Amino acid sequence: MGYRLRRADFFSESAVYGLVVVSAMLLVTNQYEVTSREVFLKVLGTVVVFWLAHVFATAVSRMGVVADAKSPFSESLRYAFAHSAGLLIAAVVPLTIVLLGVVDLISDDIALWTALWVDAALLGLLGYFSSGAWTRNTSLRLRVGAGTALLGVCVVLLKAFIH
């Protein structure tokens, strides 16, 4: 049985985790006098390493679930790649913003702050859309979205406090 990449994989814990990892890395790397290029490379490298670790952990834990499959390892690995895709996809937008600083379209500070605020907004959107799987109540979905966005805002405030 094959595993296809689904919409739900983009709204998974790996996507939320990816946004939190990116935000944390933006905070950590910006504590030092670094350029957008250095921030971009460090965040990208960290995201790739965390993604590989997530793929590995998911594949290993999934093997027991698909033990009866024709090829449990292949099935587990396909599932892990698709399930972990959210972590990589979540990094695309904030890294693109940092890349604007790399090519000098915006300043390094504006690139970092914008990427952090966009991360907060993306967390809110993930919360809103993900909650649609279990409720159609718009008010509740907005509260879930606000709660996940608040996580991102806390990271931004932490950045302001540290810096």
N, C-alpha and C. Protein backbone atom coordinates (compact mmCIF):
# COMPACT_ATOMS: atom_id res chain seq x y z
N MET A 1 0.84 -1.17 0.00
CA MET A 1 0.00 0.00 0.00
C MET A 1 0.89 1.24 0.00
N GLY A 2 0.71 2.11 -0.97
CA GLY A 2 1.51 3.32 -1.07
C GLY A 2 0.96 4.43 -0.19
N TYR A 3 1.75 5.45 -0.04
CA TYR A 3 1.34 6.60 0.76
C TYR A 3 1.52 7.85 -0.06
N ARG A 4 0.43 8.61 -0.24
CA ARG A 4 0.48 9.85 -1.00
C ARG A 4 0.55 11.03 -0.07
N LEU A 5 1.18 12.08 -0.54
CA LEU A 5 1.21 13.33 0.19
C LEU A 5 -0.19 13.92 0.18
N ARG A 6 -0.73 14.22 1.35
CA ARG A 6 -2.08 14.73 1.47
C ARG A 6 -2.07 16.12 2.09
N ARG A 7 -3.18 16.81 1.94
CA ARG A 7 -3.34 18.14 2.52
C ARG A 7 -3.07 18.10 4.03
N ALA A 8 -3.53 17.04 4.68
CA ALA A 8 -3.36 16.91 6.13
C ALA A 8 -1.89 16.88 6.54
N ASP A 9 -1.02 16.43 5.65
CA ASP A 9 0.40 16.38 5.97
C ASP A 9 1.00 17.78 6.09
N PHE A 10 0.40 18.74 5.40
CA PHE A 10 0.88 20.11 5.47
C PHE A 10 0.40 20.80 6.75
N PHE A 11 -0.69 20.30 7.32
CA PHE A 11 -1.26 20.86 8.54
C PHE A 11 -1.02 19.89 9.70
N SER A 12 0.18 19.44 9.82
CA SER A 12 0.52 18.42 10.80
C SER A 12 1.38 19.02 11.91
N GLU A 13 1.67 18.17 12.88
CA GLU A 13 2.56 18.63 13.95
C GLU A 13 3.94 18.95 13.40
N SER A 14 4.34 18.31 12.31
CA SER A 14 5.65 18.61 11.75
C SER A 14 5.70 20.03 11.18
N ALA A 15 4.58 20.51 10.64
CA ALA A 15 4.54 21.89 10.14
C ALA A 15 4.61 22.89 11.29
N VAL A 16 3.87 22.63 12.35
CA VAL A 16 3.92 23.50 13.52
C VAL A 16 5.33 23.47 14.10
N TYR A 17 5.88 22.29 14.22
CA TYR A 17 7.23 22.13 14.75
C TYR A 17 8.24 22.87 13.87
N GLY A 18 8.07 22.78 12.55
CA GLY A 18 8.97 23.48 11.64
C GLY A 18 8.94 24.98 11.86
N LEU A 19 7.76 25.55 12.03
CA LEU A 19 7.67 26.99 12.27
C LEU A 19 8.31 27.38 13.60
N VAL A 20 8.13 26.55 14.61
CA VAL A 20 8.74 26.84 15.91
C VAL A 20 10.27 26.73 15.81
N VAL A 21 10.76 25.72 15.11
CA VAL A 21 12.21 25.56 14.93
C VAL A 21 12.78 26.77 14.18
N VAL A 22 12.11 27.19 13.11
CA VAL A 22 12.59 28.34 12.34
C VAL A 22 12.61 29.59 13.22
N SER A 23 11.54 29.82 13.97
CA SER A 23 11.49 30.99 14.84
C SER A 23 12.61 30.95 15.88
N ALA A 24 12.79 29.80 16.49
CA ALA A 24 13.85 29.66 17.50
C ALA A 24 15.23 29.91 16.89
N MET A 25 15.44 29.36 15.71
CA MET A 25 16.74 29.55 15.05
C MET A 25 16.95 31.01 14.65
N LEU A 26 15.90 31.67 14.20
CA LEU A 26 16.02 33.10 13.88
C LEU A 26 16.42 33.88 15.12
N LEU A 27 15.85 33.50 16.26
CA LEU A 27 16.22 34.16 17.51
C LEU A 27 17.66 33.90 17.90
N VAL A 28 18.04 32.65 17.86
CA VAL A 28 19.38 32.27 18.29
C VAL A 28 20.46 32.87 17.40
N THR A 29 20.29 32.75 16.09
CA THR A 29 21.33 33.24 15.19
C THR A 29 21.43 34.75 15.20
N ASN A 30 20.34 35.43 15.48
CA ASN A 30 20.37 36.89 15.45
C ASN A 30 20.91 37.49 16.74
N GLN A 31 21.22 36.68 17.72
CA GLN A 31 21.83 37.19 18.95
C GLN A 31 23.24 37.70 18.69
N TYR A 32 23.81 37.27 17.60
CA TYR A 32 25.17 37.65 17.24
C TYR A 32 25.09 38.57 16.03
N GLU A 33 26.13 39.31 15.81
CA GLU A 33 26.17 40.18 14.63
C GLU A 33 26.41 39.31 13.40
N VAL A 34 25.33 38.91 12.78
CA VAL A 34 25.43 38.06 11.60
C VAL A 34 24.63 38.68 10.46
N THR A 35 24.96 38.29 9.27
CA THR A 35 24.25 38.79 8.09
C THR A 35 23.05 37.89 7.80
N SER A 36 22.17 38.37 6.95
CA SER A 36 21.02 37.55 6.53
C SER A 36 21.50 36.26 5.89
N ARG A 37 22.61 36.33 5.17
CA ARG A 37 23.16 35.14 4.52
C ARG A 37 23.52 34.08 5.56
N GLU A 38 24.19 34.50 6.63
CA GLU A 38 24.57 33.55 7.68
C GLU A 38 23.33 32.99 8.38
N VAL A 39 22.35 33.86 8.64
CA VAL A 39 21.11 33.41 9.26
C VAL A 39 20.41 32.40 8.34
N PHE A 40 20.33 32.72 7.06
CA PHE A 40 19.67 31.84 6.10
C PHE A 40 20.32 30.46 6.10
N LEU A 41 21.64 30.42 6.00
CA LEU A 41 22.35 29.14 5.94
C LEU A 41 22.21 28.34 7.22
N LYS A 42 22.29 29.02 8.37
CA LYS A 42 22.17 28.30 9.65
C LYS A 42 20.75 27.78 9.87
N VAL A 43 19.76 28.59 9.54
CA VAL A 43 18.38 28.15 9.71
C VAL A 43 18.07 27.01 8.74
N LEU A 44 18.47 27.16 7.49
CA LEU A 44 18.24 26.11 6.50
C LEU A 44 18.91 24.81 6.93
N GLY A 45 20.16 24.88 7.35
CA GLY A 45 20.88 23.68 7.79
C GLY A 45 20.20 23.01 8.97
N THR A 46 19.76 23.81 9.92
CA THR A 46 19.08 23.27 11.10
C THR A 46 17.76 22.62 10.73
N VAL A 47 17.00 23.26 9.85
CA VAL A 47 15.71 22.71 9.43
C VAL A 47 15.92 21.36 8.73
N VAL A 48 16.92 21.28 7.88
CA VAL A 48 17.19 20.02 7.16
C VAL A 48 17.57 18.92 8.15
N VAL A 49 18.42 19.24 9.13
CA VAL A 49 18.83 18.25 10.12
C VAL A 49 17.62 17.79 10.95
N PHE A 50 16.79 18.74 11.39
CA PHE A 50 15.60 18.37 12.16
C PHE A 50 14.63 17.57 11.31
N TRP A 51 14.51 17.90 10.02
CA TRP A 51 13.64 17.16 9.13
C TRP A 51 14.12 15.71 8.99
N LEU A 52 15.42 15.54 8.78
CA LEU A 52 15.97 14.19 8.66
C LEU A 52 15.73 13.39 9.94
N ALA A 53 15.92 14.03 11.09
CA ALA A 53 15.67 13.35 12.37
C ALA A 53 14.19 12.99 12.49
N HIS A 54 13.31 13.88 12.04
CA HIS A 54 11.88 13.62 12.10
C HIS A 54 11.50 12.46 11.17
N VAL A 55 12.08 12.44 9.97
CA VAL A 55 11.82 11.34 9.03
C VAL A 55 12.28 10.02 9.65
N PHE A 56 13.47 10.02 10.20
CA PHE A 56 14.01 8.80 10.81
C PHE A 56 13.12 8.32 11.96
N ALA A 57 12.78 9.22 12.87
CA ALA A 57 11.97 8.84 14.03
C ALA A 57 10.59 8.34 13.60
N THR A 58 10.00 9.01 12.63
CA THR A 58 8.67 8.59 12.15
C THR A 58 8.74 7.24 11.47
N ALA A 59 9.75 7.02 10.64
CA ALA A 59 9.89 5.74 9.93
C ALA A 59 10.10 4.59 10.91
N VAL A 60 10.96 4.80 11.88
CA VAL A 60 11.23 3.73 12.85
C VAL A 60 9.98 3.43 13.67
N SER A 61 9.29 4.46 14.13
CA SER A 61 8.10 4.22 14.96
C SER A 61 6.95 3.64 14.15
N ARG A 62 6.92 3.91 12.87
CA ARG A 62 5.83 3.45 12.00
C ARG A 62 5.99 1.97 11.60
N MET A 63 7.20 1.45 11.64
CA MET A 63 7.44 0.09 11.18
C MET A 63 6.60 -0.94 11.93
N GLY A 64 6.36 -0.72 13.21
CA GLY A 64 5.52 -1.64 13.97
C GLY A 64 4.07 -1.60 13.53
N VAL A 65 3.64 -0.45 13.03
CA VAL A 65 2.25 -0.29 12.60
C VAL A 65 2.01 -1.01 11.28
N VAL A 66 3.00 -1.03 10.41
CA VAL A 66 2.84 -1.63 9.08
C VAL A 66 3.60 -2.95 8.96
N ALA A 67 3.77 -3.64 10.07
CA ALA A 67 4.54 -4.89 10.08
C ALA A 67 4.00 -5.93 9.12
N ASP A 68 2.70 -5.90 8.85
CA ASP A 68 2.09 -6.88 7.95
C ASP A 68 2.17 -6.47 6.49
N ALA A 69 2.68 -5.30 6.21
CA ALA A 69 2.78 -4.82 4.83
C ALA A 69 3.82 -5.66 4.08
N LYS A 70 3.72 -5.64 2.75
CA LYS A 70 4.66 -6.40 1.92
C LYS A 70 6.10 -5.95 2.19
N SER A 71 6.28 -4.64 2.31
CA SER A 71 7.61 -4.09 2.59
C SER A 71 7.49 -3.03 3.69
N PRO A 72 7.55 -3.46 4.96
CA PRO A 72 7.32 -2.53 6.06
C PRO A 72 8.29 -1.35 6.07
N PHE A 73 9.55 -1.59 5.73
CA PHE A 73 10.51 -0.49 5.74
C PHE A 73 10.17 0.55 4.68
N SER A 74 9.91 0.10 3.46
CA SER A 74 9.56 1.04 2.38
C SER A 74 8.28 1.79 2.69
N GLU A 75 7.29 1.09 3.19
CA GLU A 75 6.01 1.72 3.55
C GLU A 75 6.23 2.76 4.65
N SER A 76 7.01 2.41 5.64
CA SER A 76 7.28 3.33 6.74
C SER A 76 8.05 4.55 6.26
N LEU A 77 9.00 4.34 5.38
CA LEU A 77 9.80 5.46 4.87
C LEU A 77 8.96 6.39 4.00
N ARG A 78 8.12 5.85 3.15
CA ARG A 78 7.22 6.69 2.33
C ARG A 78 6.30 7.52 3.23
N TYR A 79 5.74 6.87 4.22
CA TYR A 79 4.87 7.58 5.16
C TYR A 79 5.65 8.69 5.88
N ALA A 80 6.86 8.36 6.33
CA ALA A 80 7.67 9.34 7.08
C ALA A 80 8.01 10.56 6.23
N PHE A 81 8.38 10.34 4.97
CA PHE A 81 8.69 11.47 4.09
C PHE A 81 7.48 12.37 3.91
N ALA A 82 6.33 11.76 3.65
CA ALA A 82 5.12 12.56 3.45
C ALA A 82 4.69 13.24 4.75
N HIS A 83 4.72 12.50 5.84
CA HIS A 83 4.28 13.04 7.12
C HIS A 83 5.19 14.16 7.62
N SER A 84 6.45 14.11 7.28
CA SER A 84 7.42 15.11 7.74
C SER A 84 7.55 16.29 6.78
N ALA A 85 6.88 16.23 5.65
CA ALA A 85 7.00 17.29 4.65
C ALA A 85 6.63 18.66 5.20
N GLY A 86 5.70 18.70 6.13
CA GLY A 86 5.27 19.97 6.71
C GLY A 86 6.41 20.74 7.34
N LEU A 87 7.38 20.03 7.91
CA LEU A 87 8.51 20.69 8.54
C LEU A 87 9.32 21.49 7.51
N LEU A 88 9.54 20.91 6.36
CA LEU A 88 10.27 21.61 5.30
C LEU A 88 9.43 22.72 4.68
N ILE A 89 8.18 22.42 4.42
CA ILE A 89 7.31 23.39 3.77
C ILE A 89 7.11 24.62 4.64
N ALA A 90 7.01 24.40 5.95
CA ALA A 90 6.82 25.52 6.88
C ALA A 90 8.00 26.49 6.86
N ALA A 91 9.17 26.02 6.49
CA ALA A 91 10.36 26.87 6.48
C ALA A 91 10.48 27.71 5.22
N VAL A 92 9.74 27.38 4.17
CA VAL A 92 9.91 28.04 2.88
C VAL A 92 9.63 29.54 2.95
N VAL A 93 8.49 29.93 3.51
CA VAL A 93 8.11 31.34 3.52
C VAL A 93 9.07 32.18 4.38
N PRO A 94 9.33 31.80 5.64
CA PRO A 94 10.26 32.62 6.42
C PRO A 94 11.67 32.65 5.82
N LEU A 95 12.12 31.54 5.27
CA LEU A 95 13.45 31.55 4.65
C LEU A 95 13.48 32.40 3.39
N THR A 96 12.38 32.45 2.67
CA THR A 96 12.30 33.33 1.50
C THR A 96 12.41 34.78 1.92
N ILE A 97 11.80 35.12 3.03
CA ILE A 97 11.89 36.49 3.55
C ILE A 97 13.33 36.81 3.94
N VAL A 98 13.98 35.89 4.62
CA VAL A 98 15.39 36.10 4.99
C VAL A 98 16.24 36.22 3.73
N LEU A 99 15.90 35.46 2.71
CA LEU A 99 16.62 35.53 1.45
C LEU A 99 16.53 36.92 0.83
N LEU A 100 15.43 37.62 1.06
CA LEU A 100 15.31 39.01 0.58
C LEU A 100 16.39 39.89 1.21
N GLY A 101 16.76 39.59 2.44
CA GLY A 101 17.87 40.29 3.08
C GLY A 101 19.20 39.89 2.50
N VAL A 102 19.31 38.62 2.12
CA VAL A 102 20.56 38.13 1.53
C VAL A 102 20.87 38.88 0.23
N VAL A 103 19.84 39.11 -0.58
CA VAL A 103 20.04 39.77 -1.88
C VAL A 103 19.88 41.29 -1.76
N ASP A 104 19.84 41.79 -0.54
CA ASP A 104 19.79 43.23 -0.25
C ASP A 104 18.56 43.95 -0.78
N LEU A 105 17.44 43.24 -0.87
CA LEU A 105 16.18 43.91 -1.22
C LEU A 105 15.58 44.58 0.01
N ILE A 106 15.89 44.01 1.20
CA ILE A 106 15.50 44.63 2.47
C ILE A 106 16.67 44.48 3.43
N SER A 107 16.66 45.26 4.49
CA SER A 107 17.77 45.18 5.46
C SER A 107 17.70 43.88 6.24
N ASP A 108 18.83 43.51 6.83
CA ASP A 108 18.90 42.28 7.62
C ASP A 108 17.89 42.30 8.77
N ASP A 109 17.78 43.44 9.48
CA ASP A 109 16.84 43.53 10.60
C ASP A 109 15.39 43.38 10.14
N ILE A 110 15.05 44.05 9.06
CA ILE A 110 13.67 43.95 8.55
C ILE A 110 13.38 42.52 8.10
N ALA A 111 14.35 41.87 7.48
CA ALA A 111 14.16 40.49 7.05
C ALA A 111 13.87 39.59 8.24
N LEU A 112 14.65 39.74 9.31
CA LEU A 112 14.47 38.90 10.49
C LEU A 112 13.13 39.16 11.16
N TRP A 113 12.82 40.42 11.43
CA TRP A 113 11.56 40.75 12.10
C TRP A 113 10.36 40.32 11.27
N THR A 114 10.43 40.54 9.98
CA THR A 114 9.31 40.15 9.11
C THR A 114 9.14 38.63 9.13
N ALA A 115 10.24 37.90 9.04
CA ALA A 115 10.17 36.44 9.08
C ALA A 115 9.56 35.96 10.39
N LEU A 116 9.92 36.59 11.50
CA LEU A 116 9.35 36.20 12.80
C LEU A 116 7.85 36.47 12.86
N TRP A 117 7.41 37.64 12.40
CA TRP A 117 5.98 37.96 12.43
C TRP A 117 5.20 37.08 11.45
N VAL A 118 5.79 36.78 10.32
CA VAL A 118 5.12 35.88 9.37
C VAL A 118 5.00 34.48 9.98
N ASP A 119 6.03 34.03 10.70
CA ASP A 119 5.94 32.74 11.39
C ASP A 119 4.75 32.73 12.35
N ALA A 120 4.57 33.81 13.11
CA ALA A 120 3.44 33.89 14.04
C ALA A 120 2.11 33.80 13.28
N ALA A 121 2.02 34.51 12.16
CA ALA A 121 0.79 34.48 11.35
C ALA A 121 0.56 33.08 10.78
N LEU A 122 1.61 32.44 10.31
CA LEU A 122 1.48 31.09 9.76
C LEU A 122 1.05 30.09 10.83
N LEU A 123 1.56 30.25 12.05
CA LEU A 123 1.11 29.38 13.14
C LEU A 123 -0.39 29.56 13.38
N GLY A 124 -0.84 30.81 13.32
CA GLY A 124 -2.27 31.08 13.48
C GLY A 124 -3.09 30.42 12.39
N LEU A 125 -2.62 30.53 11.16
CA LEU A 125 -3.33 29.90 10.03
C LEU A 125 -3.34 28.38 10.15
N LEU A 126 -2.22 27.81 10.57
CA LEU A 126 -2.19 26.36 10.77
C LEU A 126 -3.19 25.94 11.83
N GLY A 127 -3.24 26.69 12.93
CA GLY A 127 -4.20 26.37 13.98
C GLY A 127 -5.64 26.47 13.49
N TYR A 128 -5.92 27.52 12.75
CA TYR A 128 -7.28 27.73 12.23
C TYR A 128 -7.69 26.61 11.28
N PHE A 129 -6.85 26.35 10.28
CA PHE A 129 -7.21 25.34 9.29
C PHE A 129 -7.18 23.92 9.85
N SER A 130 -6.25 23.64 10.74
CA SER A 130 -6.18 22.30 11.33
C SER A 130 -7.40 22.02 12.19
N SER A 131 -7.89 23.02 12.89
CA SER A 131 -9.05 22.80 13.75
C SER A 131 -10.31 22.54 12.94
N GLY A 132 -10.27 22.83 11.65
CA GLY A 132 -11.41 22.55 10.78
C GLY A 132 -11.70 21.07 10.65
N ALA A 133 -10.75 20.23 11.00
CA ALA A 133 -10.95 18.78 10.93
C ALA A 133 -11.90 18.30 12.04
N TRP A 134 -12.01 19.05 13.13
CA TRP A 134 -12.85 18.60 14.23
C TRP A 134 -13.95 19.58 14.63
N THR A 135 -13.97 20.77 14.02
CA THR A 135 -15.07 21.68 14.30
C THR A 135 -15.32 22.61 13.11
N ARG A 136 -16.57 22.93 12.91
CA ARG A 136 -16.94 23.91 11.89
C ARG A 136 -17.29 25.24 12.54
N ASN A 137 -17.22 25.30 13.85
CA ASN A 137 -17.52 26.50 14.60
C ASN A 137 -16.43 27.54 14.35
N THR A 138 -16.77 28.59 13.60
CA THR A 138 -15.78 29.59 13.21
C THR A 138 -15.16 30.27 14.43
N SER A 139 -15.96 30.55 15.42
CA SER A 139 -15.45 31.21 16.62
C SER A 139 -14.39 30.35 17.31
N LEU A 140 -14.68 29.08 17.44
CA LEU A 140 -13.72 28.16 18.06
C LEU A 140 -12.45 28.04 17.22
N ARG A 141 -12.63 27.95 15.91
CA ARG A 141 -11.46 27.86 15.01
C ARG A 141 -10.60 29.11 15.12
N LEU A 142 -11.23 30.27 15.23
CA LEU A 142 -10.48 31.52 15.39
C LEU A 142 -9.72 31.53 16.71
N ARG A 143 -10.33 30.99 17.76
CA ARG A 143 -9.64 30.93 19.05
C ARG A 143 -8.45 29.97 19.00
N VAL A 144 -8.62 28.85 18.33
CA VAL A 144 -7.50 27.90 18.17
C VAL A 144 -6.38 28.57 17.37
N GLY A 145 -6.76 29.24 16.28
CA GLY A 145 -5.77 29.96 15.48
C GLY A 145 -5.06 31.03 16.28
N ALA A 146 -5.82 31.77 17.08
CA ALA A 146 -5.22 32.81 17.92
C ALA A 146 -4.26 32.21 18.94
N GLY A 147 -4.64 31.05 19.48
CA GLY A 147 -3.77 30.38 20.45
C GLY A 147 -2.45 29.94 19.83
N THR A 148 -2.51 29.38 18.65
CA THR A 148 -1.26 28.96 18.01
C THR A 148 -0.45 30.18 17.54
N ALA A 149 -1.14 31.23 17.11
CA ALA A 149 -0.43 32.46 16.75
C ALA A 149 0.24 33.07 17.97
N LEU A 150 -0.41 32.95 19.13
CA LEU A 150 0.15 33.48 20.37
C LEU A 150 1.49 32.82 20.68
N LEU A 151 1.61 31.54 20.37
CA LEU A 151 2.90 30.86 20.52
C LEU A 151 3.96 31.59 19.71
N GLY A 152 3.62 31.93 18.45
CA GLY A 152 4.56 32.66 17.61
C GLY A 152 4.86 34.05 18.14
N VAL A 153 3.86 34.73 18.65
CA VAL A 153 4.06 36.07 19.22
C VAL A 153 4.97 35.98 20.44
N CYS A 154 4.80 34.94 21.25
CA CYS A 154 5.68 34.75 22.41
C CYS A 154 7.13 34.60 21.97
N VAL A 155 7.34 33.89 20.88
CA VAL A 155 8.70 33.73 20.35
C VAL A 155 9.24 35.09 19.89
N VAL A 156 8.40 35.88 19.22
CA VAL A 156 8.82 37.21 18.78
C VAL A 156 9.15 38.09 19.98
N LEU A 157 8.30 38.04 21.01
CA LEU A 157 8.56 38.84 22.21
C LEU A 157 9.83 38.38 22.91
N LEU A 158 10.07 37.08 22.90
CA LEU A 158 11.30 36.55 23.47
C LEU A 158 12.50 37.13 22.71
N LYS A 159 12.38 37.21 21.41
CA LYS A 159 13.44 37.79 20.58
C LYS A 159 13.69 39.25 20.97
N ALA A 160 12.61 40.00 21.15
CA ALA A 160 12.74 41.41 21.53
C ALA A 160 13.39 41.53 22.91
N PHE A 161 13.02 40.64 23.82
CA PHE A 161 13.58 40.66 25.16
C PHE A 161 15.07 40.31 25.15
N ILE A 162 15.42 39.30 24.39
CA ILE A 162 16.82 38.86 24.31
C ILE A 162 17.69 39.89 23.62
N HIS A 163 17.17 40.46 22.55
CA HIS A 163 17.95 41.39 21.74
C HIS A 163 18.02 42.71 22.45
